[in-house]
Protein backbone atom coordinates (compact mmCIF):
# COMPACT_ATOMS: atom_id res chain seq x y z
CA UNK A 1 23.17 143.31 81.50
CA UNK A 2 24.25 140.84 84.12
CA UNK A 3 24.43 137.10 83.50
CA UNK A 4 21.66 136.62 86.05
CA UNK A 5 19.29 138.82 84.07
CA UNK A 6 20.19 137.07 80.80
CA UNK A 7 19.51 133.71 82.43
CA UNK A 8 16.12 134.84 83.73
CA UNK A 9 15.28 136.28 80.31
CA UNK A 10 16.31 133.01 78.65
CA UNK A 11 14.18 131.01 81.10
CA UNK A 12 11.16 133.20 80.32
CA UNK A 13 11.74 132.74 76.60
CA UNK A 14 12.01 128.96 77.02
CA UNK A 15 8.62 128.83 78.69
CA UNK A 16 6.81 131.29 76.45
CA UNK A 17 8.48 131.51 73.06
CA UNK A 18 10.31 128.64 71.41
CA UNK A 19 10.67 130.66 68.20
CA UNK A 20 12.77 133.27 70.01
CA UNK A 21 14.94 130.49 71.49
CA UNK A 22 15.34 128.88 68.08
CA UNK A 23 16.31 132.26 66.60
CA UNK A 24 18.85 132.85 69.38
CA UNK A 25 20.31 129.34 69.79
CA UNK A 26 19.36 127.49 66.58
CA UNK A 27 17.13 124.90 68.24
CA UNK A 28 15.33 123.97 71.47
CA UNK A 29 14.98 120.75 73.43
CA UNK A 30 11.74 119.69 75.09
CA UNK A 31 12.10 117.13 77.88
CA UNK A 32 8.67 115.59 78.51
CA UNK A 33 9.04 112.86 81.17
CA UNK A 34 5.33 111.93 81.28
CA UNK A 35 3.95 112.28 77.78
CA UNK A 36 0.28 111.35 78.09
CA UNK A 37 -0.09 111.08 74.34
CA UNK A 38 1.01 108.30 72.02
CA UNK A 39 4.35 109.89 71.06
CA UNK A 40 6.65 107.44 72.84
CA UNK A 41 6.67 103.76 73.81
CA UNK A 42 7.88 104.71 77.33
CA UNK A 43 6.00 107.96 77.92
CA UNK A 44 9.36 109.78 77.81
CA UNK A 45 9.48 112.21 74.89
CA UNK A 46 12.73 114.16 74.63
CA UNK A 47 12.73 116.00 71.33
CA UNK A 48 14.07 118.99 69.42
CA UNK A 49 12.50 121.81 67.46
CA UNK A 50 14.28 124.02 64.95
CA UNK A 51 16.48 121.66 62.97
CA UNK A 52 14.22 121.99 59.92
CA UNK A 53 15.78 125.46 59.60
CA UNK A 54 19.13 123.78 58.86
CA UNK A 55 18.98 122.21 55.40
CA UNK A 56 15.43 121.00 56.15
CA UNK A 57 16.85 118.34 58.49
CA UNK A 58 14.30 116.45 60.63
CA UNK A 59 14.25 117.03 64.37
CA UNK A 60 15.30 114.29 66.81
CA UNK A 61 13.53 112.33 69.55
CA UNK A 62 14.79 110.10 72.40
CA UNK A 63 12.41 107.79 74.29
CA UNK A 64 14.82 106.23 76.79
CA UNK A 65 14.40 107.85 80.23
CA UNK A 66 17.81 109.51 80.43
CA UNK A 67 18.88 112.15 82.95
CA UNK A 68 18.25 115.60 81.49
CA UNK A 69 21.94 116.54 81.29
CA UNK A 70 22.79 113.40 79.31
CA UNK A 71 19.85 113.81 76.91
CA UNK A 72 20.80 117.47 76.47
CA UNK A 73 24.40 116.56 75.66
CA UNK A 74 23.25 114.06 73.01
CA UNK A 75 20.84 116.56 71.44
CA UNK A 76 23.47 119.32 71.43
CA UNK A 77 25.95 116.98 69.76
CA UNK A 78 23.39 116.08 67.10
CA UNK A 79 22.69 119.77 66.52
CA UNK A 80 26.43 120.50 66.13
CA UNK A 81 26.77 117.68 63.61
CA UNK A 82 23.75 118.81 61.57
CA UNK A 83 24.92 122.43 61.68
CA UNK A 84 28.30 121.19 60.39
CA UNK A 85 26.65 119.55 57.38
CA UNK A 86 26.06 116.01 58.62
CA UNK A 87 22.82 114.47 57.37
CA UNK A 88 21.08 111.70 59.29
CA UNK A 89 18.30 109.54 57.92
CA UNK A 90 16.05 106.65 58.90
CA UNK A 91 17.95 103.37 58.87
CA UNK A 92 21.26 105.19 59.25
CA UNK A 93 23.73 105.01 62.10
CA UNK A 94 26.50 107.18 63.49
CA UNK A 95 29.50 106.75 65.78
CA UNK A 96 29.93 110.53 66.12
CA UNK A 97 27.15 111.14 68.65
CA UNK A 98 28.17 109.23 71.79
CA UNK A 99 31.55 109.09 73.47
CA UNK A 100 33.67 106.01 72.85
CA UNK A 101 32.48 105.73 69.23
CA UNK A 102 29.39 103.79 70.30
CA UNK A 103 26.92 103.76 67.44
CA UNK A 104 23.39 105.11 67.56
CA UNK A 105 20.74 104.32 65.00
CA UNK A 106 17.87 106.37 63.60
CA UNK A 107 14.29 105.46 62.77
CA UNK A 108 11.57 107.68 61.34
CA UNK A 109 8.55 108.22 63.60
CA UNK A 110 5.66 110.63 64.03
CA UNK A 111 5.79 112.97 67.01
CA UNK A 112 3.02 115.55 67.47
CA UNK A 113 2.03 115.33 63.81
CA UNK A 114 5.54 115.79 62.42
CA UNK A 115 8.15 113.38 61.14
CA UNK A 116 11.24 113.14 63.37
CA UNK A 117 14.21 110.83 63.69
CA UNK A 118 14.16 108.77 66.85
CA UNK A 119 17.70 108.30 68.13
CA UNK A 120 18.22 104.65 69.01
CA UNK A 121 20.52 104.54 72.02
CA UNK A 122 22.56 101.33 72.32
CA UNK A 123 21.88 98.88 75.12
CA UNK A 124 24.45 98.04 77.82
CA UNK A 125 26.26 95.74 75.37
CA UNK A 126 26.50 98.42 72.67
CA UNK A 127 23.75 96.96 70.46
CA UNK A 128 21.69 99.55 68.59
CA UNK A 129 20.07 97.32 65.99
CA UNK A 130 16.59 96.01 66.65
CA UNK A 131 17.57 92.39 66.00
CA UNK A 132 20.41 92.30 68.56
CA UNK A 133 19.26 94.80 71.18
CA UNK A 134 18.26 93.88 74.74
CA UNK A 135 14.49 93.26 74.80
CA UNK A 136 13.70 96.05 77.32
CA UNK A 137 15.67 98.64 75.37
CA UNK A 138 14.15 97.42 72.10
CA UNK A 139 10.59 97.84 73.41
CA UNK A 140 11.44 101.25 74.90
CA UNK A 141 12.72 102.55 71.58
CA UNK A 142 10.96 100.59 68.85
CA UNK A 143 7.67 99.94 70.62
C-alpha cells in the first residue's frame, strides 16, 4: 500500500471510528474549537480518548485556544509520558511536558460525562498556579 492510501484510510478512521484509531495509535485527540456545551470555559475543548487503556490513566483536556499543531504536540508528549509509566493527578504539576522545563499543572474536571485532567498551560510569565496566573489565562482554564 502507498503512503497516500494509508493516510486516506487513517483519515476515514479518524472520522468514523475512534476505537480503531485508539487500537492502532494508542489514543486519539479531538480538537473542538467551538464546543457549544459546557465542557470548557473558553468554548475550546481539546481532549484525548484512550488513555484509560494505559494503567487506567485519565484522559487530558486543554481549554486554551492553541494552534492545532501545538496542542497536538502537548497531547502526544503527555501520551508518551503516560505510556512510559508517568502518572499525573489533580493538583500535580510537571516540567516534562513543555519545552524549556516550564511547568504545567493539572486539575480534575468533567468533560462529556467523564473525569479528565485539564492541563493548565502557564501564562506568558510562566505561572501555572491559579493564585499567580494572569487573570485572562486563569479564567480561560479554571473558569
